[in-house]
Amino acid sequence: MKKKILRIVLLVGTLISLFFVPWILVWAWILPLPNTIQEQVDEAIGHGFDGMIVYVDEAGKPPAFYTGGWKDRENKIPADPKSLFKIASISKLYTAVSITKLAKDNHLSLDKTLAYYLPELVGRIENVEKITLKLMVQHRSGIPNFTDNPAYWENEQENGKNALEFALDLSASFEPDKSYEYSNTNYLLLRKIIDKVLGYSHEQYIKENILRPLQLNNTFFSLKEVNIDDVMSGYYVGIEQDFKTNENGMLATAEDVGLFLRALNDGSVFNEGEKEIYSSIYEYEHGGLVPGYQSLAEYHEDIDAVVVQFINTTDFNGYEWNLSEITINRIVKIIKRKK
């Protein structure tokens, strides 16, 4: 009798668990791989994405662009590969390169502490005397992530002007260098340090030392610098609002991000001695996520290919992000299959 009851309980548990399985993710993963990248983009749009841009740079071949869905859903404007897109945390790569260059030029030291550069934070951030710039670059500082503070999202656009306040006077996530936790606060502080040691903005430094040398003429730091009509619309699941007019930092075309990622990985963004420093502190690809915009920029050494994927549909529950990762993985498989 007990075995029978146990079997019934297990069966019921299995049925309940099946109810909560994100079947669209399973389906997207197990579908037969299309023959072309464009077919994969079209398939992804069929899974519910509003719009999508993919840039592929395979060594020895001209860069290729693929689009699907809408640049502007309301006005039925098709996705445009030249659209500007909010790249969110991909911008951390540009900051990390800047920190590298400044360290090589002895404008700052990766081994000096946050307290040394921003003494006003003593007593406001735990372990500030132990946290080095290197630990901040590597997300090993233990400084709380301001975007994990629920209060920040009560008015994200207004609170973004004073984002650091949402990470101050909180307990550290861990002792410095004892663990890893992705924290946007690390890079917010690194940008402040760059501004301080230079005496001018990190944006100007990035323009002069990264964007102009690489001729990245379609990378910007704010909506104030661009024509809003050039920006791809952004959508959050369940909300009709177009998030295009929200200020979320850096914007770029897929091509500009791809060119930067190629230069990062082949070393051409660096001067002598800089790549060795960078390799010891940070990564060579990244993703980004803000309301309405998710992006992935990857380099695959085995096939010497850069793949950039922009999708203008998000949620913060992980579903849309997981679907985007499945999609780019399938795109990479298509590229490898043709090698």
Foldseek 3Di string as FASTA:
>chain_A
DVVVVVVVVVVVVVVVVVVPPPVLLVCLQPPPQDQALQVLQQVLVVSPFQKKKKWKDFPPDPIDIHIAHPLDPVVRHGDDLQFKEQQAPQCLVLLLLLVLVCCVVVLDPQQAFQCVQCVVQVVWFPPRRPHGLLLLSQQQAQQAALVVQVVCVVPVLVCVVVSVVSRTPDDGNDHGPPDHDDHPNSSVSSQVSVCVSVVHGPQVVSCVQACVVLVQPFKDFWPVVDDLVRHGWAAEPPDPDTCSPRIRTMIGRQVSSQSSLLCLVVVVSDDPPSNVVSVVRDDSWDWRDDHQKIKTWDADVVRRMIMIMITRYYYPPCPVVSSVVSSVVSNVVSVVVVD
